[in-house]
Amino acid sequence: MDHQNDQYWTAAQAADMLGISLPTLYAYVSRKGIRSVKVDGSRTRRYWSLDIERLMKGKGGDDSISTGAQRVATTCSITHLTDQGLFYRGQDAIELARSSATAEKVAELMWQVPDVFGSRLPKIPNVTGALLKLFEGTTAAEKAIALFPLIELDNPRAHDLTMEGYARTSADAVRWFAALVVGAGAPEVRPLHGFIASHVGVDSAFEDLIRQVLILSVDHERDPSTYCVRAAANTGVTPYYAAIAGLVSFRGRRVSYSRRETVSRLLEEICSSREPAGPILQRYRQGELLPGFGSSAQGVADPRAQHLLTELKGLFGADEDFLRLVKACEVAEEVTGQPVDFILLLSFVGRKLGLAGQEIAVAGVGRMIGWLAHASEQFHQQPMGRTHSQFVANLTDC
C-alpha cells in the first residue's frame, strides 16, 4: 500500500494544495473528476495526486464545464491505471497475480463483498441442454447472451440488487461464463482456474498460468465496454444483463479485444512460418498496422504483457511456437519501436489451451469480474442520470 500512498493524498492535503475548503474538495470529486479510493478499515478516502496537480495547473479546472459533461464524468474507486502499473482498489494487479490469490478473492476485493463464491449454485434452466446444442459452434459470449436471460428467469434471487445480492449473482454469472468457455453444461464450485484447467486438460503449471491470466484480465479502467456496462447498470438491470451489455460491446470493431481475429491470424502465420519474422516484415513493408503491438492505453509497455511474457518464458521456453513468437516480437519492436500487446500473448495462451476461434475467452472470464464490479458501483453509488445533448444543426439537411 505504500505505492498507493505515494500517488494519493489525504483530503486535508488535497484541499490545502488547491487552496479550497474540504466541502469544496468533496464537490470537486463529481464536478471536476477527482478520483479517490477508500482507506481500508476507515470511512476516509484518499485523492489521486495527478488529478489534484491537473487542477492546480488549470487543466480542466474551469467552472464553465457543461452540465452534460459533469453528469458523464463520474468517479471510480475500482481501478487505477498509471504509467507505474495497474491497481485494483489500491493493490498492484501484477503482485496479485504473482501471489497465491485466486480470481475469486480478487473478485471479492473488487465487489467489496467477502465469501460470495459459496457452495450454492444457480438453478439450471430446463432448456439449457437444448439451447447449448442449438448454439453449438458459436462462441461462449454468444451462448451467454442467449442463456443469461433464461438463467435470470429461473433464479429470482438475481433481482436482489443489494450489495450482497448483486455480488452473489455476479459470482453465478462468472461461474456460468467459465462453464460456457470450456464447454461444460453447468458451473461448478471449484476455483475458476482449476475448473478451467481440468476441462481443457492441462497440468498444474498451466493451471497457475490460467489463474494469473484471470487476475490480470479483470479490469483496465473505463474502456468503452466498461462504459456500456455502467450505462446498463445505471438503469437497474441485474448482473446477468449488465454482463450481456459488456459482451455485446466487446463485439464492436473499434474495441481492441474485438480485433482478436486479426491478432489470431497473425499469430497463426507466425507459428506456422518457417521464418517467424516474415509476417511482421511483410506488413511493415506494406505500411500496415501490426495487430497485437503498441496499443497500450498507458502509452508505455503494458506491465501485464511484460509479466505474462516472463511467465510464458518459464513455461514454454523450449516450445517451438513460443520461440517463433519471441522472435517475431523482437523484430516487431526493432522495426516499429512498439512492444507486444497483452492481447497477443492472451491469444497464444488460448492457442495452447486449444480454444480455436475464441483464444481470449478465458481472459473474458476475468474481464466479467471487472465489468460487474463497475456495474455494482454504478448502481449502488451513482444516482440515476440522464445527460442532455447540445443540438447542432446539420447544414446539409437545410
Protein backbone atom coordinates (compact mmCIF):
# COMPACT_ATOMS: atom_id res chain seq x y z
CA MET A 1 0.00 0.00 0.00
CA ASP A 2 2.99 2.30 0.19
CA HIS A 3 2.82 2.78 -3.57
CA GLN A 4 -0.76 3.92 -3.21
CA ASN A 5 0.20 6.50 -0.58
CA ASP A 6 2.76 7.93 -2.99
CA GLN A 7 0.03 8.62 -5.52
CA TYR A 8 -2.86 9.59 -3.26
CA TRP A 9 -3.23 12.49 -0.82
CA THR A 10 -5.44 12.87 2.21
CA ALA A 11 -8.42 15.19 1.98
CA ALA A 12 -6.61 17.81 4.07
CA GLN A 13 -3.51 17.66 1.85
CA ALA A 14 -5.55 17.88 -1.36
CA ALA A 15 -7.66 20.80 -0.10
CA ASP A 16 -4.54 22.63 1.10
CA MET A 17 -2.79 22.19 -2.27
CA LEU A 18 -5.83 23.56 -4.11
CA GLY A 19 -6.48 26.31 -1.57
CA ILE A 20 -10.08 25.25 -1.02
CA SER A 21 -12.22 24.02 1.86
CA LEU A 22 -12.99 20.35 2.46
CA PRO A 23 -16.65 20.72 1.35
CA THR A 24 -15.42 22.27 -1.90
CA LEU A 25 -12.98 19.39 -2.37
CA TYR A 26 -15.82 16.88 -1.99
CA ALA A 27 -17.83 18.84 -4.57
CA TYR A 28 -14.85 18.75 -6.95
CA VAL A 29 -14.94 14.93 -6.91
CA SER A 30 -18.02 14.93 -9.14
CA ARG A 31 -17.67 18.38 -10.73
CA LYS A 32 -14.05 18.14 -11.80
CA GLY A 33 -13.33 14.45 -11.92
CA ILE A 34 -11.03 13.98 -8.91
CA ARG A 35 -10.60 10.24 -8.40
CA SER A 36 -10.35 8.73 -4.95
CA VAL A 37 -10.07 5.42 -3.12
CA LYS A 38 -11.45 4.29 0.22
CA VAL A 39 -8.92 3.70 3.01
CA ASP A 40 -9.23 0.13 4.31
CA GLY A 41 -10.74 -0.02 7.78
CA SER A 42 -11.71 3.62 7.72
CA ARG A 43 -14.50 5.89 6.49
CA THR A 44 -11.98 8.29 4.95
CA ARG A 45 -10.81 8.50 1.36
CA ARG A 46 -7.56 9.48 -0.37
CA TYR A 47 -7.42 11.56 -3.54
CA TRP A 48 -5.33 10.92 -6.64
CA SER A 49 -2.39 13.32 -6.71
CA LEU A 50 -2.31 13.62 -10.53
CA ASP A 51 -5.89 14.90 -10.57
CA ILE A 52 -5.02 17.48 -7.92
CA GLU A 53 -1.94 18.55 -9.89
CA ARG A 54 -4.04 18.82 -13.05
CA LEU A 55 -6.41 21.24 -11.36
CA MET A 56 -3.51 23.19 -9.88
CA LYS A 57 -2.18 23.71 -13.39
CA GLY A 58 -5.60 24.92 -14.56
CA LYS A 59 -6.26 21.96 -16.86
CA GLY A 60 -9.88 21.01 -16.73
CA GLY A 61 -10.47 23.24 -13.73
CA ASP A 62 -12.70 25.77 -15.44
CA ASP A 63 -16.12 26.12 -13.86
CA SER A 64 -17.57 26.54 -17.33
CA ILE A 65 -17.70 22.76 -17.79
CA SER A 66 -21.11 21.98 -19.20
CA THR A 67 -23.80 20.33 -17.12
CA GLY A 68 -23.83 17.40 -19.52
CA ALA A 69 -20.10 16.85 -19.10
CA GLN A 70 -20.45 16.94 -15.33
CA ARG A 71 -23.07 14.21 -15.44
CA VAL A 72 -20.98 11.98 -17.69
CA ALA A 73 -17.75 12.40 -15.67
CA THR A 74 -18.35 10.01 -12.77
CA THR A 75 -15.74 8.91 -10.27
CA CYS A 76 -14.47 5.38 -9.80
CA SER A 77 -12.72 3.75 -6.86
CA ILE A 78 -12.13 0.39 -8.53
CA THR A 79 -9.16 0.57 -10.86
CA HIS A 80 -6.23 2.95 -11.11
CA LEU A 81 -4.29 2.82 -14.39
CA THR A 82 -0.91 4.56 -14.28
CA ASP A 83 2.46 4.55 -16.01
CA GLN A 84 3.73 2.60 -13.00
CA GLY A 85 1.14 -0.14 -13.24
CA LEU A 86 -2.44 -1.27 -12.83
CA PHE A 87 -4.04 -1.19 -9.39
CA TYR A 88 -7.22 -2.93 -8.22
CA ARG A 89 -8.60 -0.95 -5.28
CA GLY A 90 -5.07 0.18 -4.49
CA GLN A 91 -3.45 -3.25 -4.86
CA ASP A 92 -0.96 -3.89 -7.65
CA ALA A 93 -2.55 -6.28 -10.17
CA ILE A 94 0.84 -7.79 -11.04
CA GLU A 95 1.57 -8.54 -7.41
CA LEU A 96 -1.86 -10.12 -7.01
CA ALA A 97 -1.07 -12.37 -9.98
CA ARG A 98 2.33 -13.26 -8.52
CA SER A 99 0.77 -14.15 -5.18
CA SER A 100 -1.40 -17.16 -4.47
CA ALA A 101 -4.60 -15.10 -4.78
CA THR A 102 -7.41 -16.72 -6.71
CA ALA A 103 -9.66 -14.94 -9.18
CA GLU A 104 -12.46 -15.42 -6.65
CA LYS A 105 -10.57 -13.50 -3.96
CA VAL A 106 -9.80 -10.69 -6.41
CA ALA A 107 -13.49 -10.62 -7.34
CA GLU A 108 -14.46 -10.25 -3.70
CA LEU A 109 -11.93 -7.42 -3.39
CA MET A 110 -13.39 -5.70 -6.45
CA TRP A 111 -17.02 -6.25 -5.42
CA GLN A 112 -16.26 -5.42 -1.77
CA VAL A 113 -18.31 -8.36 -0.54
CA PRO A 114 -16.49 -11.32 1.09
CA ASP A 115 -17.26 -15.02 0.70
CA VAL A 116 -19.69 -14.74 -2.22
CA PHE A 117 -18.35 -17.79 -4.07
CA GLY A 118 -20.05 -20.33 -1.84
CA SER A 119 -21.24 -23.87 -2.49
CA ARG A 120 -24.67 -22.80 -3.70
CA LEU A 121 -25.05 -22.78 -7.49
CA PRO A 122 -27.83 -21.19 -9.55
CA LYS A 123 -30.71 -23.30 -10.80
CA ILE A 124 -30.11 -24.65 -14.30
CA PRO A 125 -32.95 -23.85 -16.77
CA ASN A 126 -34.60 -26.94 -18.24
CA VAL A 127 -33.89 -25.73 -21.77
CA THR A 128 -30.14 -25.37 -21.20
CA GLY A 129 -29.16 -28.61 -22.94
CA ALA A 130 -31.33 -27.91 -25.98
CA LEU A 131 -30.14 -24.32 -26.21
CA LEU A 132 -26.45 -25.27 -26.00
CA LYS A 133 -26.98 -27.85 -28.72
CA LEU A 134 -28.73 -25.24 -30.85
CA PHE A 135 -25.83 -22.82 -30.33
CA GLU A 136 -23.17 -25.45 -30.90
CA GLY A 137 -20.34 -23.89 -32.88
CA THR A 138 -20.90 -20.38 -31.54
CA THR A 139 -18.62 -18.56 -29.10
CA ALA A 140 -19.01 -18.56 -25.33
CA ALA A 141 -20.09 -14.93 -25.50
CA GLU A 142 -22.87 -15.72 -27.96
CA LYS A 143 -24.04 -18.62 -25.79
CA ALA A 144 -24.06 -16.38 -22.70
CA ILE A 145 -26.06 -13.66 -24.47
CA ALA A 146 -28.71 -16.28 -25.28
CA LEU A 147 -28.66 -18.19 -21.97
CA PHE A 148 -28.25 -15.48 -19.31
CA PRO A 149 -31.84 -14.15 -19.60
CA LEU A 150 -33.16 -17.69 -19.06
CA ILE A 151 -30.91 -18.22 -16.04
CA GLU A 152 -32.14 -14.94 -14.58
CA LEU A 153 -35.75 -16.03 -15.15
CA ASP A 154 -35.25 -19.31 -13.26
CA ASN A 155 -33.33 -17.62 -10.43
CA PRO A 156 -35.49 -14.87 -8.86
CA ARG A 157 -32.72 -14.11 -6.35
CA ALA A 158 -30.94 -12.41 -9.23
CA HIS A 159 -33.29 -9.47 -8.63
CA ASP A 160 -31.81 -8.90 -5.16
CA LEU A 161 -29.82 -5.78 -6.01
CA THR A 162 -28.37 -5.14 -2.57
CA MET A 163 -24.56 -5.11 -2.49
CA GLU A 164 -24.51 -8.68 -1.19
CA GLY A 165 -27.21 -9.91 -3.57
CA TYR A 166 -25.54 -8.24 -6.54
CA ALA A 167 -22.23 -9.90 -5.66
CA ARG A 168 -23.83 -13.35 -5.25
CA THR A 169 -25.46 -13.13 -8.65
CA SER A 170 -22.23 -11.80 -10.16
CA ALA A 171 -20.44 -14.89 -8.85
CA ASP A 172 -23.10 -17.07 -10.50
CA ALA A 173 -22.70 -15.21 -13.81
CA VAL A 174 -18.91 -15.54 -13.79
CA ARG A 175 -19.09 -19.25 -12.99
CA TRP A 176 -21.62 -19.78 -15.76
CA PHE A 177 -19.47 -17.95 -18.29
CA ALA A 178 -16.44 -20.06 -17.33
CA ALA A 179 -18.56 -23.17 -17.95
CA LEU A 180 -19.56 -21.91 -21.39
CA VAL A 181 -15.94 -21.14 -22.29
CA VAL A 182 -14.78 -24.71 -21.68
CA GLY A 183 -17.93 -26.39 -22.99
CA ALA A 184 -19.26 -27.61 -19.65
CA GLY A 185 -23.02 -27.99 -19.28
CA ALA A 186 -23.14 -26.25 -15.92
CA PRO A 187 -20.92 -24.30 -13.50
CA GLU A 188 -19.10 -25.85 -10.56
CA VAL A 189 -17.93 -24.67 -7.16
CA ARG A 190 -14.25 -25.43 -7.80
CA PRO A 191 -11.88 -22.46 -8.11
CA LEU A 192 -12.18 -20.99 -11.58
CA HIS A 193 -8.59 -21.71 -12.64
CA GLY A 194 -8.82 -25.35 -11.52
CA PHE A 195 -12.21 -25.81 -13.17
CA ILE A 196 -10.95 -24.40 -16.48
CA ALA A 197 -7.67 -26.34 -16.34
CA SER A 198 -9.39 -29.69 -15.72
CA HIS A 199 -11.80 -29.21 -18.61
CA VAL A 200 -9.10 -28.31 -21.13
CA GLY A 201 -6.73 -30.98 -19.79
CA VAL A 202 -3.58 -29.12 -18.73
CA ASP A 203 -1.13 -29.68 -15.87
CA SER A 204 -0.69 -27.74 -12.62
CA ALA A 205 1.88 -25.34 -14.09
CA PHE A 206 -0.53 -24.31 -16.82
CA GLU A 207 -3.29 -24.15 -14.22
CA ASP A 208 -1.40 -21.43 -12.35
CA LEU A 209 -0.90 -19.54 -15.61
CA ILE A 210 -4.68 -19.61 -16.10
CA ARG A 211 -5.08 -18.21 -12.58
CA GLN A 212 -2.76 -15.33 -13.43
CA VAL A 213 -4.48 -14.63 -16.76
CA LEU A 214 -7.84 -14.41 -14.99
CA ILE A 215 -6.48 -11.88 -12.48
CA LEU A 216 -4.59 -9.76 -15.00
CA SER A 217 -7.67 -9.56 -17.24
CA VAL A 218 -10.11 -8.36 -14.57
CA ASP A 219 -10.09 -4.66 -15.39
CA HIS A 220 -8.33 -1.97 -17.38
CA GLU A 221 -10.12 1.16 -16.17
CA ARG A 222 -13.07 2.66 -18.06
CA ASP A 223 -12.74 1.37 -21.59
CA PRO A 224 -15.77 1.54 -23.94
CA SER A 225 -17.10 -1.85 -22.86
CA THR A 226 -16.98 -0.81 -19.20
CA TYR A 227 -18.82 2.39 -20.07
CA CYS A 228 -21.58 0.30 -21.68
CA VAL A 229 -21.81 -1.96 -18.63
CA ARG A 230 -22.10 1.02 -16.30
CA ALA A 231 -24.75 2.62 -18.52
CA ALA A 232 -26.82 -0.58 -18.39
CA ALA A 233 -26.32 -0.97 -14.64
CA ASN A 234 -27.43 2.62 -14.12
CA THR A 235 -30.93 1.59 -15.22
CA GLY A 236 -31.15 -1.12 -12.54
CA VAL A 237 -30.73 -4.32 -14.56
CA THR A 238 -29.46 -7.49 -12.87
CA PRO A 239 -25.81 -8.58 -13.16
CA TYR A 240 -26.81 -11.00 -15.93
CA TYR A 241 -27.96 -8.19 -18.20
CA ALA A 242 -25.07 -5.94 -17.17
CA ALA A 243 -22.74 -8.73 -18.28
CA ILE A 244 -24.65 -9.05 -21.56
CA ALA A 245 -24.04 -5.34 -22.20
CA GLY A 246 -20.32 -5.94 -21.86
CA LEU A 247 -20.35 -9.00 -24.10
CA VAL A 248 -22.30 -7.15 -26.79
CA SER A 249 -19.99 -4.12 -26.72
CA PHE A 250 -16.94 -6.38 -26.98
CA ARG A 251 -18.07 -7.31 -30.48
CA GLY A 252 -17.59 -3.75 -31.71
CA ARG A 253 -14.82 -3.38 -34.25
CA ARG A 254 -13.47 -0.26 -32.51
CA VAL A 255 -12.69 -2.16 -29.31
CA SER A 256 -9.20 -3.66 -29.20
CA TYR A 257 -10.39 -7.06 -27.96
CA SER A 258 -12.74 -7.35 -30.92
CA ARG A 259 -9.65 -7.36 -33.15
CA ARG A 260 -8.80 -10.80 -31.78
CA GLU A 261 -9.41 -12.34 -35.20
CA THR A 262 -6.70 -10.28 -36.89
CA VAL A 263 -4.38 -10.90 -33.94
CA SER A 264 -5.10 -14.64 -34.09
CA ARG A 265 -4.42 -14.71 -37.83
CA LEU A 266 -1.06 -13.02 -37.34
CA LEU A 267 -0.22 -15.45 -34.53
CA GLU A 268 -1.12 -18.40 -36.76
CA GLU A 269 1.13 -17.05 -39.51
CA ILE A 270 3.99 -16.57 -37.05
CA CYS A 271 3.69 -20.05 -35.56
CA SER A 272 3.35 -21.81 -38.92
CA SER A 273 6.00 -19.82 -40.80
CA ARG A 274 9.49 -21.18 -41.39
CA GLU A 275 10.76 -17.67 -40.72
CA PRO A 276 8.61 -16.08 -37.96
CA ALA A 277 9.79 -12.57 -38.80
CA GLY A 278 8.25 -12.87 -42.28
CA PRO A 279 4.64 -11.97 -41.39
CA ILE A 280 5.90 -8.98 -39.40
CA LEU A 281 8.19 -7.62 -42.10
CA GLN A 282 5.62 -8.17 -44.85
CA ARG A 283 3.08 -5.99 -43.06
CA TYR A 284 5.72 -3.43 -42.15
CA ARG A 285 6.92 -3.06 -45.75
CA GLN A 286 3.34 -2.56 -46.92
CA GLY A 287 2.74 0.13 -44.33
CA GLU A 288 0.12 -1.89 -42.50
CA LEU A 289 -0.53 -1.65 -38.78
CA LEU A 290 0.72 -4.61 -36.79
CA PRO A 291 -2.18 -6.10 -34.82
CA GLY A 292 -1.05 -7.04 -31.35
CA PHE A 293 1.64 -4.40 -30.94
CA GLY A 294 1.73 -0.91 -29.45
CA SER A 295 -1.87 -0.27 -28.41
CA SER A 296 -1.33 0.01 -24.64
CA ALA A 297 -3.69 2.53 -23.04
CA GLN A 298 -0.85 3.63 -20.76
CA GLY A 299 1.30 4.91 -23.61
CA VAL A 300 4.11 2.67 -22.38
CA ALA A 301 4.72 -1.07 -22.40
CA ASP A 302 1.77 -2.76 -20.70
CA PRO A 303 3.11 -4.23 -17.43
CA ARG A 304 0.58 -7.06 -17.74
CA ALA A 305 2.13 -8.06 -21.07
CA GLN A 306 5.64 -7.84 -19.67
CA HIS A 307 4.72 -10.04 -16.71
CA LEU A 308 2.83 -12.57 -18.83
CA LEU A 309 5.73 -12.79 -21.29
CA THR A 310 8.08 -13.61 -18.41
CA GLU A 311 5.71 -16.32 -17.18
CA LEU A 312 5.42 -17.78 -20.67
CA LYS A 313 9.20 -17.94 -20.99
CA GLY A 314 9.34 -20.03 -17.84
CA LEU A 315 6.58 -22.37 -19.01
CA PHE A 316 7.23 -22.58 -22.77
CA GLY A 317 10.94 -21.83 -23.01
CA ALA A 318 11.57 -24.80 -25.33
CA ASP A 319 8.26 -24.69 -27.20
CA GLU A 320 8.76 -24.12 -30.94
CA ASP A 321 5.64 -21.97 -31.32
CA PHE A 322 6.70 -19.78 -28.43
CA LEU A 323 10.25 -19.38 -29.75
CA ARG A 324 8.78 -18.22 -33.07
CA LEU A 325 6.55 -15.75 -31.24
CA VAL A 326 9.51 -14.35 -29.27
CA LYS A 327 11.49 -13.88 -32.48
CA ALA A 328 8.56 -12.12 -34.15
CA CYS A 329 8.12 -9.83 -31.13
CA GLU A 330 11.79 -8.89 -31.19
CA VAL A 331 11.61 -8.00 -34.88
CA ALA A 332 8.37 -6.05 -34.45
CA GLU A 333 9.80 -3.99 -31.61
CA GLU A 334 13.02 -3.38 -33.56
CA VAL A 335 11.31 -2.03 -36.69
CA THR A 336 8.41 -0.18 -35.07
CA GLY A 337 9.58 0.55 -31.54
CA GLN A 338 6.25 -0.89 -30.32
CA PRO A 339 6.09 -3.52 -27.55
CA VAL A 340 3.89 -6.62 -27.68
CA ASP A 341 0.30 -6.20 -26.53
CA PHE A 342 -1.38 -8.20 -23.79
CA ILE A 343 -3.98 -9.47 -26.27
CA LEU A 344 -1.38 -11.18 -28.49
CA LEU A 345 0.01 -13.08 -25.52
CA LEU A 346 -3.52 -13.96 -24.40
CA SER A 347 -4.13 -15.35 -27.88
CA PHE A 348 -1.02 -17.52 -27.54
CA VAL A 349 -2.27 -18.87 -24.20
CA GLY A 350 -5.66 -19.62 -25.77
CA ARG A 351 -3.96 -21.36 -28.67
CA LYS A 352 -2.12 -23.63 -26.25
CA LEU A 353 -5.39 -24.34 -24.43
CA GLY A 354 -6.94 -25.49 -27.70
CA LEU A 355 -9.57 -22.73 -27.75
CA ALA A 356 -9.54 -22.25 -31.50
CA GLY A 357 -11.70 -19.33 -32.58
CA GLN A 358 -12.04 -17.92 -29.08
CA GLU A 359 -8.46 -17.74 -27.87
CA ILE A 360 -9.06 -14.91 -25.42
CA ALA A 361 -12.25 -16.35 -23.92
CA VAL A 362 -10.50 -17.34 -20.68
CA ALA A 363 -9.48 -13.71 -20.23
CA GLY A 364 -13.15 -12.86 -20.75
CA VAL A 365 -13.99 -14.75 -17.56
CA GLY A 366 -11.70 -12.44 -15.63
CA ARG A 367 -12.97 -9.41 -17.53
CA MET A 368 -16.53 -10.18 -16.45
CA ILE A 369 -15.40 -9.84 -12.84
CA GLY A 370 -14.29 -6.28 -13.56
CA TRP A 371 -17.42 -5.39 -15.51
CA LEU A 372 -19.63 -6.50 -12.64
CA ALA A 373 -17.55 -4.53 -10.15
CA HIS A 374 -18.23 -1.41 -12.23
CA ALA A 375 -21.89 -2.36 -12.57
CA SER A 376 -22.28 -2.69 -8.81
CA GLU A 377 -20.51 0.59 -8.12
CA GLN A 378 -22.58 2.40 -10.73
CA PHE A 379 -25.88 1.08 -9.39
CA HIS A 380 -25.14 1.46 -5.68
CA GLN A 381 -23.08 4.67 -5.63
CA GLN A 382 -24.22 6.79 -8.57
CA PRO A 383 -27.63 8.44 -8.99
CA MET A 384 -29.81 7.57 -11.93
CA GLY A 385 -28.77 10.11 -14.53
CA ARG A 386 -29.80 11.35 -17.91
CA THR A 387 -27.42 13.51 -19.88
CA HIS A 388 -28.66 16.19 -22.25
CA SER A 389 -27.07 16.65 -25.63
CA GLN A 390 -26.48 20.01 -27.27
CA PHE A 391 -28.32 20.16 -30.58
CA VAL A 392 -26.15 21.18 -33.54
CA ALA A 393 -27.90 21.81 -36.83
CA ASN A 394 -26.64 19.83 -39.80
CA LEU A 395 -26.42 22.42 -42.56
CA THR A 396 -26.55 19.76 -45.27
CA ASP A 397 -30.12 18.99 -44.14
CA CYS A 398 -31.27 22.61 -44.55
